[in-house]
């Protein structure tokens, strides 16, 4: 059976990977798609990518929590990573469909507000994951 150190290092590695994926998506992939692709094509691509992105990262966010539960069942790290996972699910199930509905209805003010909420939520999740990564590395 694995010891607690191995599980801790695994949680650290997955948390670092999660942060890297989130930062790469937000600061590299998305801007490049919009820079080098026609705006409408880029928007269509992102509408297809986001639901998958959120669901995959929700799953990945649970892994560090599972690794840490045996030694730290109710720790800040476990609770935070589970909260990050829940927020990814909320984004996938509620924010993305609401954004699509607002876009389809031509409700630009609502779409802009929902987009702002999704960006702020993603940034908050990135900060939370980075803080947990630093705590696990310490």
Protein backbone atom coordinates (compact mmCIF):
# COMPACT_ATOMS: atom_id res chain seq x y z
CA UNK A 1 0.00 0.00 0.00
CA UNK A 2 1.11 3.57 -0.63
CA UNK A 3 2.35 5.62 2.25
CA UNK A 4 1.15 9.13 3.08
CA UNK A 5 4.26 10.75 1.56
CA UNK A 6 3.61 9.15 -1.82
CA UNK A 7 -0.02 10.27 -1.76
CA UNK A 8 1.06 13.79 -0.76
CA UNK A 9 3.55 13.99 -3.63
CA UNK A 10 0.89 12.67 -6.00
CA UNK A 11 -1.52 15.36 -4.81
CA UNK A 12 1.21 17.97 -5.30
CA UNK A 13 1.92 16.76 -8.85
CA UNK A 14 -1.73 16.69 -9.87
CA UNK A 15 -2.38 20.12 -8.34
CA UNK A 16 0.59 21.58 -10.20
CA UNK A 17 -0.59 19.97 -13.43
CA UNK A 18 -4.09 21.33 -12.88
CA UNK A 19 -2.75 24.85 -12.37
CA UNK A 20 -0.60 24.53 -15.49
CA UNK A 21 -3.56 23.42 -17.58
CA UNK A 22 -5.72 26.25 -16.28
CA UNK A 23 -3.05 28.90 -16.83
CA UNK A 24 -2.15 27.54 -20.26
CA UNK A 25 -5.78 27.51 -21.32
CA UNK A 26 -6.51 31.02 -20.03
CA UNK A 27 -3.30 32.78 -21.04
CA UNK A 28 -2.09 30.83 -24.08
CA UNK A 29 -4.68 28.65 -25.83
CA UNK A 30 -7.70 30.97 -25.71
CA UNK A 31 -5.87 34.14 -26.80
CA UNK A 32 -4.15 32.25 -29.63
CA UNK A 33 -7.43 30.82 -30.89
CA UNK A 34 -8.96 34.29 -31.04
CA UNK A 35 -5.83 35.83 -32.54
CA UNK A 36 -5.31 33.37 -35.39
CA UNK A 37 -8.88 32.30 -36.14
CA UNK A 38 -11.85 34.20 -37.49
CA UNK A 39 -13.82 35.53 -34.51
CA UNK A 40 -16.98 33.54 -35.28
CA UNK A 41 -15.00 30.31 -35.83
CA UNK A 42 -13.06 30.93 -32.62
CA UNK A 43 -16.28 31.51 -30.68
CA UNK A 44 -17.80 28.32 -32.12
CA UNK A 45 -14.70 26.34 -31.17
CA UNK A 46 -14.66 27.71 -27.63
CA UNK A 47 -18.37 26.90 -27.19
CA UNK A 48 -17.50 23.28 -27.97
CA UNK A 49 -14.30 23.21 -25.88
CA UNK A 50 -15.54 24.79 -22.64
CA UNK A 51 -18.01 22.08 -21.55
CA UNK A 52 -15.34 19.40 -22.04
CA UNK A 53 -12.68 21.56 -20.36
CA UNK A 54 -14.86 22.13 -17.28
CA UNK A 55 -15.84 18.48 -16.92
CA UNK A 56 -12.30 17.17 -17.33
CA UNK A 57 -10.89 19.69 -14.85
CA UNK A 58 -13.68 18.89 -12.38
CA UNK A 59 -12.52 15.28 -12.49
CA UNK A 60 -8.85 16.22 -12.19
CA UNK A 61 -9.60 18.52 -9.22
CA UNK A 62 -11.01 15.62 -7.24
CA UNK A 63 -7.82 13.54 -7.55
CA UNK A 64 -5.65 15.56 -5.11
CA UNK A 65 -8.51 15.55 -2.60
CA UNK A 66 -8.79 11.76 -2.87
CA UNK A 67 -5.04 11.41 -2.40
CA UNK A 68 -5.11 13.63 0.69
CA UNK A 69 -8.21 12.22 2.41
CA UNK A 70 -6.44 9.30 4.19
CA UNK A 71 -4.13 11.62 6.13
CA UNK A 72 -6.04 14.92 6.10
CA UNK A 73 -9.75 14.16 5.67
CA UNK A 74 -11.11 17.63 6.50
CA UNK A 75 -8.09 19.74 5.70
CA UNK A 76 -8.18 23.06 3.86
CA UNK A 77 -6.53 21.35 0.90
CA UNK A 78 -9.18 18.64 0.56
CA UNK A 79 -12.10 21.03 1.02
CA UNK A 80 -10.65 23.59 -1.39
CA UNK A 81 -9.96 21.07 -4.14
CA UNK A 82 -13.47 19.64 -3.79
CA UNK A 83 -14.89 23.19 -3.94
CA UNK A 84 -12.88 23.86 -7.10
CA UNK A 85 -14.33 20.68 -8.63
CA UNK A 86 -17.87 21.71 -7.69
CA UNK A 87 -17.32 25.15 -9.25
CA UNK A 88 -16.18 23.53 -12.50
CA UNK A 89 -19.39 21.50 -12.52
CA UNK A 90 -21.44 24.64 -11.81
CA UNK A 91 -19.74 26.37 -14.74
CA UNK A 92 -20.38 23.41 -17.04
CA UNK A 93 -23.99 22.84 -16.00
CA UNK A 94 -25.24 26.39 -15.47
CA UNK A 95 -22.95 29.16 -16.68
CA UNK A 96 -22.07 27.73 -20.11
CA UNK A 97 -25.72 26.92 -20.99
CA UNK A 98 -26.85 30.35 -19.74
CA UNK A 99 -24.15 32.00 -21.84
CA UNK A 100 -25.29 30.05 -24.90
CA UNK A 101 -28.92 30.94 -24.25
CA UNK A 102 -28.07 34.65 -23.89
CA UNK A 103 -25.99 34.55 -27.07
CA UNK A 104 -28.75 32.79 -29.03
CA UNK A 105 -31.31 35.32 -27.79
CA UNK A 106 -29.05 38.23 -28.74
CA UNK A 107 -29.00 39.44 -25.12
CA UNK A 108 -25.52 40.98 -25.21
CA UNK A 109 -25.63 42.65 -21.75
CA UNK A 110 -26.56 39.33 -20.09
CA UNK A 111 -23.96 37.44 -22.14
CA UNK A 112 -21.29 39.97 -21.16
CA UNK A 113 -22.23 39.69 -17.45
CA UNK A 114 -22.18 35.90 -17.56
CA UNK A 115 -18.85 35.94 -19.38
CA UNK A 116 -17.42 38.25 -16.71
CA UNK A 117 -18.72 35.91 -13.99
CA UNK A 118 -17.13 32.91 -15.71
CA UNK A 119 -13.77 34.70 -16.05
CA UNK A 120 -13.79 35.82 -12.41
CA UNK A 121 -14.77 32.32 -11.28
CA UNK A 122 -11.98 30.77 -13.34
CA UNK A 123 -9.45 33.25 -11.95
CA UNK A 124 -10.61 32.53 -8.39
CA UNK A 125 -10.25 28.79 -9.03
CA UNK A 126 -6.75 29.32 -10.44
CA UNK A 127 -5.74 31.29 -7.34
CA UNK A 128 -7.21 28.62 -5.06
CA UNK A 129 -5.35 25.85 -6.91
CA UNK A 130 -2.10 27.85 -6.78
CA UNK A 131 -2.50 28.42 -3.03
CA UNK A 132 -3.11 24.70 -2.47
CA UNK A 133 -0.11 23.86 -4.64
CA UNK A 134 2.10 26.18 -2.54
CA UNK A 135 0.69 24.74 0.72
CA UNK A 136 1.37 21.20 -0.45
CA UNK A 137 4.90 22.12 -1.56
CA UNK A 138 5.77 23.74 1.77
